[in-house]
Amino acid sequence: MFESLLITVNDDAYIQSLGRNCTTEFALGVDDARYHIKVENGRIISVEQGPFQMRAASFLISATKDTWAEFMTSTPRPGFHDIFAMSAMGNARIEGDIKILLEHLPYFKAVLGLLRKV
C-alpha cells in the first residue's frame, strides 16, 4: 500500500528539501499490517512490509484499510483529510515519539499527501 512512497518522494525535489534534515524510521499501520519506512535526509531509503518483531520506529500512524482508502482519495471527506483529523475523530492512532513528527510536520504531510496522487 505504501511502497510507492519510495519512488514518488525520491522523485520530488521539493519534498526532499522539506525533509533535508530529517533522518528517522517510522511506521504506518493498516489494520494488522505494518510498513516500516526509513528516511535519510528527506530521501526514503526503504519501505518494508512486516510483520516485524521488536523493530524500532520513532512513531506509528495506524488506521484501518478503509480509513487509509478515504484519506487517499483526491478529495477526502472531512475528518479524513489529515492524520491529526483522523486521530481526533478516532479513525487513526498516532503513537510513539511524536516530537520527530511535529519537528518535520510539513515533510510528513507532504509525503503522505503523495498517496493521493498515486
N, C-alpha and C. Protein backbone atom coordinates (compact mmCIF):
# COMPACT_ATOMS: atom_id res chain seq x y z
N MET A 1 0.80 -1.20 0.00
CA MET A 1 0.00 0.00 0.00
C MET A 1 0.85 1.27 0.00
N PHE A 2 1.99 1.25 0.71
CA PHE A 2 2.82 2.45 0.82
C PHE A 2 4.15 2.33 0.06
N GLU A 3 4.33 1.25 -0.67
CA GLU A 3 5.59 1.03 -1.37
C GLU A 3 5.91 2.14 -2.38
N SER A 4 4.87 2.75 -2.95
CA SER A 4 5.08 3.79 -3.97
C SER A 4 5.76 5.03 -3.40
N LEU A 5 5.76 5.19 -2.08
CA LEU A 5 6.39 6.36 -1.48
C LEU A 5 7.88 6.43 -1.80
N LEU A 6 8.53 5.29 -1.90
CA LEU A 6 9.97 5.27 -2.18
C LEU A 6 10.27 6.01 -3.47
N ILE A 7 9.52 5.74 -4.51
CA ILE A 7 9.77 6.36 -5.81
C ILE A 7 9.25 7.79 -5.84
N THR A 8 8.01 8.00 -5.39
CA THR A 8 7.40 9.32 -5.53
C THR A 8 8.11 10.38 -4.69
N VAL A 9 8.51 10.05 -3.48
CA VAL A 9 9.22 11.03 -2.65
C VAL A 9 10.59 11.31 -3.22
N ASN A 10 11.28 10.27 -3.64
CA ASN A 10 12.65 10.46 -4.13
C ASN A 10 12.69 11.14 -5.49
N ASP A 11 11.55 11.23 -6.17
CA ASP A 11 11.47 11.97 -7.43
C ASP A 11 10.98 13.40 -7.24
N ASP A 12 10.73 13.81 -6.02
CA ASP A 12 10.16 15.12 -5.74
C ASP A 12 11.17 15.98 -4.98
N ALA A 13 11.83 16.88 -5.68
CA ALA A 13 12.88 17.70 -5.08
C ALA A 13 12.34 18.61 -3.98
N TYR A 14 11.11 19.11 -4.14
CA TYR A 14 10.53 19.99 -3.13
C TYR A 14 10.34 19.24 -1.81
N ILE A 15 9.76 18.05 -1.88
CA ILE A 15 9.53 17.28 -0.64
C ILE A 15 10.86 16.90 0.00
N GLN A 16 11.83 16.54 -0.80
CA GLN A 16 13.15 16.22 -0.24
C GLN A 16 13.75 17.43 0.45
N SER A 17 13.53 18.63 -0.11
CA SER A 17 14.06 19.84 0.54
C SER A 17 13.37 20.09 1.88
N LEU A 18 12.08 19.76 1.98
CA LEU A 18 11.37 19.90 3.26
C LEU A 18 11.97 18.98 4.32
N GLY A 19 12.44 17.81 3.90
CA GLY A 19 12.96 16.83 4.84
C GLY A 19 14.46 16.73 4.87
N ARG A 20 15.15 17.73 4.34
CA ARG A 20 16.61 17.64 4.21
C ARG A 20 17.31 17.37 5.54
N ASN A 21 16.70 17.74 6.65
CA ASN A 21 17.30 17.48 7.96
C ASN A 21 16.59 16.36 8.71
N CYS A 22 15.77 15.60 8.00
CA CYS A 22 15.00 14.54 8.64
C CYS A 22 15.62 13.17 8.34
N THR A 23 16.09 12.54 9.39
CA THR A 23 16.58 11.17 9.31
C THR A 23 15.93 10.41 10.44
N THR A 24 15.10 9.44 10.08
CA THR A 24 14.36 8.68 11.09
C THR A 24 13.81 7.41 10.47
N GLU A 25 13.22 6.61 11.30
CA GLU A 25 12.47 5.45 10.85
C GLU A 25 11.10 5.54 11.50
N PHE A 26 10.04 5.41 10.70
CA PHE A 26 8.69 5.45 11.25
C PHE A 26 7.88 4.33 10.64
N ALA A 27 6.69 4.13 11.18
CA ALA A 27 5.85 3.03 10.70
C ALA A 27 4.45 3.53 10.41
N LEU A 28 3.85 2.91 9.41
CA LEU A 28 2.45 3.14 9.07
C LEU A 28 1.74 1.81 9.22
N GLY A 29 0.58 1.84 9.85
CA GLY A 29 -0.18 0.61 10.06
C GLY A 29 -1.48 0.63 9.30
N VAL A 30 -1.79 -0.52 8.71
CA VAL A 30 -3.06 -0.73 8.03
C VAL A 30 -3.66 -1.99 8.62
N ASP A 31 -4.72 -1.83 9.39
CA ASP A 31 -5.27 -2.95 10.15
C ASP A 31 -4.13 -3.59 10.94
N ASP A 32 -3.82 -4.86 10.71
CA ASP A 32 -2.74 -5.52 11.46
C ASP A 32 -1.40 -5.48 10.73
N ALA A 33 -1.37 -4.98 9.50
CA ALA A 33 -0.12 -4.91 8.73
C ALA A 33 0.68 -3.68 9.14
N ARG A 34 2.00 -3.79 9.08
CA ARG A 34 2.88 -2.68 9.38
C ARG A 34 3.83 -2.46 8.21
N TYR A 35 4.07 -1.18 7.94
CA TYR A 35 5.04 -0.77 6.94
C TYR A 35 6.09 0.07 7.66
N HIS A 36 7.34 -0.34 7.55
CA HIS A 36 8.45 0.35 8.19
C HIS A 36 9.15 1.19 7.12
N ILE A 37 9.29 2.48 7.38
CA ILE A 37 9.83 3.40 6.38
C ILE A 37 11.07 4.08 6.97
N LYS A 38 12.16 3.95 6.24
CA LYS A 38 13.43 4.54 6.66
C LYS A 38 13.71 5.78 5.81
N VAL A 39 13.98 6.91 6.50
CA VAL A 39 14.22 8.19 5.84
C VAL A 39 15.62 8.67 6.20
N GLU A 40 16.38 9.10 5.21
CA GLU A 40 17.70 9.72 5.44
C GLU A 40 17.75 11.03 4.68
N ASN A 41 17.83 12.12 5.44
CA ASN A 41 17.91 13.46 4.86
C ASN A 41 16.82 13.72 3.82
N GLY A 42 15.61 13.29 4.13
CA GLY A 42 14.47 13.55 3.26
C GLY A 42 14.24 12.53 2.16
N ARG A 43 15.18 11.64 1.95
CA ARG A 43 15.02 10.58 0.94
C ARG A 43 14.53 9.32 1.63
N ILE A 44 13.57 8.66 1.01
CA ILE A 44 13.11 7.39 1.56
C ILE A 44 14.06 6.31 1.07
N ILE A 45 14.69 5.65 2.01
CA ILE A 45 15.69 4.62 1.71
C ILE A 45 15.03 3.26 1.52
N SER A 46 14.01 2.99 2.35
CA SER A 46 13.34 1.69 2.21
C SER A 46 11.92 1.77 2.76
N VAL A 47 11.07 0.93 2.18
CA VAL A 47 9.71 0.71 2.66
C VAL A 47 9.56 -0.80 2.73
N GLU A 48 9.39 -1.32 3.94
CA GLU A 48 9.29 -2.76 4.12
C GLU A 48 7.98 -3.10 4.81
N GLN A 49 7.33 -4.13 4.33
CA GLN A 49 6.10 -4.59 4.97
C GLN A 49 6.43 -5.68 5.97
N GLY A 50 5.84 -5.59 7.17
CA GLY A 50 6.06 -6.53 8.25
C GLY A 50 5.26 -7.80 8.06
N PRO A 51 5.19 -8.64 9.03
CA PRO A 51 5.30 -8.33 10.45
C PRO A 51 6.75 -8.19 10.90
N PHE A 52 6.93 -7.37 11.93
CA PHE A 52 8.25 -7.14 12.49
C PHE A 52 8.23 -7.52 13.96
N GLN A 53 9.31 -8.09 14.40
CA GLN A 53 9.46 -8.43 15.82
C GLN A 53 10.45 -7.45 16.43
N MET A 54 9.97 -6.63 17.32
CA MET A 54 10.83 -5.71 18.07
C MET A 54 11.58 -4.72 17.18
N ARG A 55 10.99 -4.28 16.10
CA ARG A 55 11.64 -3.30 15.22
C ARG A 55 11.31 -1.90 15.70
N ALA A 56 12.32 -1.12 15.94
CA ALA A 56 12.13 0.23 16.46
C ALA A 56 11.66 1.18 15.37
N ALA A 57 10.79 2.08 15.75
CA ALA A 57 10.34 3.15 14.87
C ALA A 57 10.10 4.37 15.76
N SER A 58 10.37 5.55 15.22
CA SER A 58 10.16 6.77 16.00
C SER A 58 8.70 6.93 16.38
N PHE A 59 7.83 6.73 15.41
CA PHE A 59 6.40 6.85 15.66
C PHE A 59 5.64 5.95 14.71
N LEU A 60 4.37 5.73 15.05
CA LEU A 60 3.48 4.89 14.25
C LEU A 60 2.19 5.65 14.01
N ILE A 61 1.75 5.66 12.77
CA ILE A 61 0.42 6.16 12.42
C ILE A 61 -0.34 4.96 11.90
N SER A 62 -1.41 4.58 12.59
CA SER A 62 -2.14 3.39 12.18
C SER A 62 -3.63 3.71 12.02
N ALA A 63 -4.23 3.04 11.06
CA ALA A 63 -5.66 3.19 10.77
C ALA A 63 -6.13 1.95 10.03
N THR A 64 -7.43 1.85 9.87
CA THR A 64 -7.97 0.73 9.11
C THR A 64 -7.73 0.95 7.62
N LYS A 65 -7.87 -0.12 6.88
CA LYS A 65 -7.72 -0.04 5.43
C LYS A 65 -8.74 0.95 4.83
N ASP A 66 -9.97 0.93 5.34
CA ASP A 66 -11.00 1.85 4.84
C ASP A 66 -10.66 3.30 5.15
N THR A 67 -10.10 3.56 6.32
CA THR A 67 -9.70 4.92 6.67
C THR A 67 -8.60 5.42 5.75
N TRP A 68 -7.57 4.59 5.53
CA TRP A 68 -6.49 4.99 4.62
C TRP A 68 -7.03 5.18 3.20
N ALA A 69 -7.94 4.32 2.78
CA ALA A 69 -8.52 4.46 1.44
C ALA A 69 -9.23 5.81 1.29
N GLU A 70 -9.97 6.21 2.32
CA GLU A 70 -10.64 7.52 2.27
C GLU A 70 -9.62 8.65 2.30
N PHE A 71 -8.58 8.52 3.12
CA PHE A 71 -7.52 9.53 3.19
C PHE A 71 -6.86 9.72 1.82
N MET A 72 -6.72 8.63 1.07
CA MET A 72 -6.01 8.66 -0.21
C MET A 72 -6.87 9.15 -1.38
N THR A 73 -8.14 9.38 -1.18
CA THR A 73 -8.96 9.89 -2.28
C THR A 73 -8.53 11.31 -2.60
N SER A 74 -8.82 11.76 -3.81
CA SER A 74 -8.39 13.10 -4.21
C SER A 74 -9.05 14.19 -3.36
N THR A 75 -10.27 13.95 -2.90
CA THR A 75 -10.96 14.89 -2.02
C THR A 75 -11.58 14.11 -0.85
N PRO A 76 -10.79 13.86 0.20
CA PRO A 76 -11.31 13.09 1.32
C PRO A 76 -12.43 13.83 2.06
N ARG A 77 -13.30 13.06 2.66
CA ARG A 77 -14.37 13.65 3.47
C ARG A 77 -13.75 14.35 4.69
N PRO A 78 -14.47 15.32 5.27
CA PRO A 78 -13.97 15.96 6.49
C PRO A 78 -13.67 14.89 7.55
N GLY A 79 -12.57 15.09 8.23
CA GLY A 79 -12.14 14.13 9.24
C GLY A 79 -11.19 13.09 8.70
N PHE A 80 -11.03 13.03 7.39
CA PHE A 80 -10.12 12.07 6.76
C PHE A 80 -9.05 12.78 5.93
N HIS A 81 -9.05 14.09 5.94
CA HIS A 81 -8.16 14.88 5.09
C HIS A 81 -6.76 15.05 5.68
N ASP A 82 -6.59 14.69 6.95
CA ASP A 82 -5.35 14.97 7.65
C ASP A 82 -5.16 13.91 8.75
N ILE A 83 -3.91 13.54 9.02
CA ILE A 83 -3.68 12.50 10.02
C ILE A 83 -4.15 12.92 11.41
N PHE A 84 -4.04 14.21 11.73
CA PHE A 84 -4.49 14.66 13.04
C PHE A 84 -6.01 14.70 13.11
N ALA A 85 -6.66 15.02 12.02
CA ALA A 85 -8.12 14.97 11.99
C ALA A 85 -8.59 13.52 12.15
N MET A 86 -7.92 12.60 11.47
CA MET A 86 -8.29 11.19 11.60
C MET A 86 -8.10 10.72 13.04
N SER A 87 -7.04 11.18 13.69
CA SER A 87 -6.78 10.80 15.07
C SER A 87 -7.83 11.42 16.00
N ALA A 88 -8.13 12.68 15.81
CA ALA A 88 -9.11 13.36 16.66
C ALA A 88 -10.50 12.75 16.55
N MET A 89 -10.83 12.24 15.36
CA MET A 89 -12.14 11.62 15.13
C MET A 89 -12.16 10.15 15.56
N GLY A 90 -11.02 9.64 16.02
CA GLY A 90 -10.94 8.24 16.45
C GLY A 90 -10.75 7.26 15.31
N ASN A 91 -10.37 7.76 14.14
CA ASN A 91 -10.18 6.89 12.98
C ASN A 91 -8.73 6.45 12.78
N ALA A 92 -7.81 7.03 13.54
CA ALA A 92 -6.39 6.68 13.43
C ALA A 92 -5.75 6.86 14.80
N ARG A 93 -4.60 6.22 14.95
CA ARG A 93 -3.80 6.36 16.16
C ARG A 93 -2.43 6.87 15.77
N ILE A 94 -1.94 7.83 16.53
CA ILE A 94 -0.57 8.31 16.37
C ILE A 94 0.10 8.06 17.70
N GLU A 95 1.16 7.26 17.68
CA GLU A 95 1.83 6.93 18.94
C GLU A 95 3.34 6.89 18.75
N GLY A 96 4.04 6.99 19.84
CA GLY A 96 5.49 6.99 19.80
C GLY A 96 6.04 8.38 20.06
N ASP A 97 7.21 8.66 19.53
CA ASP A 97 7.88 9.94 19.72
C ASP A 97 7.36 10.94 18.68
N ILE A 98 6.24 11.56 19.00
CA ILE A 98 5.65 12.46 18.00
C ILE A 98 6.43 13.77 17.88
N LYS A 99 7.43 13.97 18.74
CA LYS A 99 8.28 15.15 18.62
C LYS A 99 8.92 15.18 17.22
N ILE A 100 9.39 14.05 16.76
CA ILE A 100 10.01 13.98 15.43
C ILE A 100 8.97 14.28 14.35
N LEU A 101 7.77 13.73 14.50
CA LEU A 101 6.69 14.01 13.56
C LEU A 101 6.39 15.51 13.52
N LEU A 102 6.30 16.13 14.68
CA LEU A 102 5.98 17.57 14.73
C LEU A 102 7.12 18.44 14.23
N GLU A 103 8.37 18.05 14.51
CA GLU A 103 9.52 18.83 14.04
C GLU A 103 9.59 18.89 12.52
N HIS A 104 9.12 17.82 11.87
CA HIS A 104 9.20 17.72 10.41
C HIS A 104 7.80 17.59 9.80
N LEU A 105 6.83 18.22 10.45
CA LEU A 105 5.43 18.06 10.04
C LEU A 105 5.18 18.42 8.57
N PRO A 106 5.69 19.53 8.04
CA PRO A 106 5.45 19.80 6.61
C PRO A 106 5.96 18.68 5.71
N TYR A 107 7.10 18.10 6.07
CA TYR A 107 7.65 16.99 5.29
C TYR A 107 6.72 15.78 5.33
N PHE A 108 6.33 15.35 6.53
CA PHE A 108 5.48 14.16 6.63
C PHE A 108 4.11 14.37 6.00
N LYS A 109 3.56 15.57 6.12
CA LYS A 109 2.27 15.85 5.48
C LYS A 109 2.41 15.79 3.96
N ALA A 110 3.53 16.31 3.45
CA ALA A 110 3.76 16.26 2.00
C ALA A 110 3.98 14.82 1.53
N VAL A 111 4.70 14.05 2.30
CA VAL A 111 4.95 12.64 1.95
C VAL A 111 3.62 11.90 1.87
N LEU A 112 2.82 12.01 2.92
CA LEU A 112 1.53 11.29 2.93
C LEU A 112 0.57 11.86 1.89
N GLY A 113 0.69 13.14 1.60
CA GLY A 113 -0.14 13.74 0.55
C GLY A 113 0.13 13.14 -0.82
N LEU A 114 1.33 12.65 -1.03
CA LEU A 114 1.63 11.99 -2.32
C LEU A 114 0.79 10.75 -2.55
N LEU A 115 0.28 10.16 -1.48
CA LEU A 115 -0.56 8.97 -1.63
C LEU A 115 -1.83 9.29 -2.41
N ARG A 116 -2.22 10.54 -2.43
CA ARG A 116 -3.42 10.95 -3.17
C ARG A 116 -3.17 11.04 -4.66
N LYS A 117 -1.92 11.06 -5.07
CA LYS A 117 -1.57 11.22 -6.48
C LYS A 117 -1.20 9.93 -7.15
N VAL A 118 -1.05 8.86 -6.37
CA VAL A 118 -0.59 7.59 -6.93
C VAL A 118 -1.75 6.78 -7.46
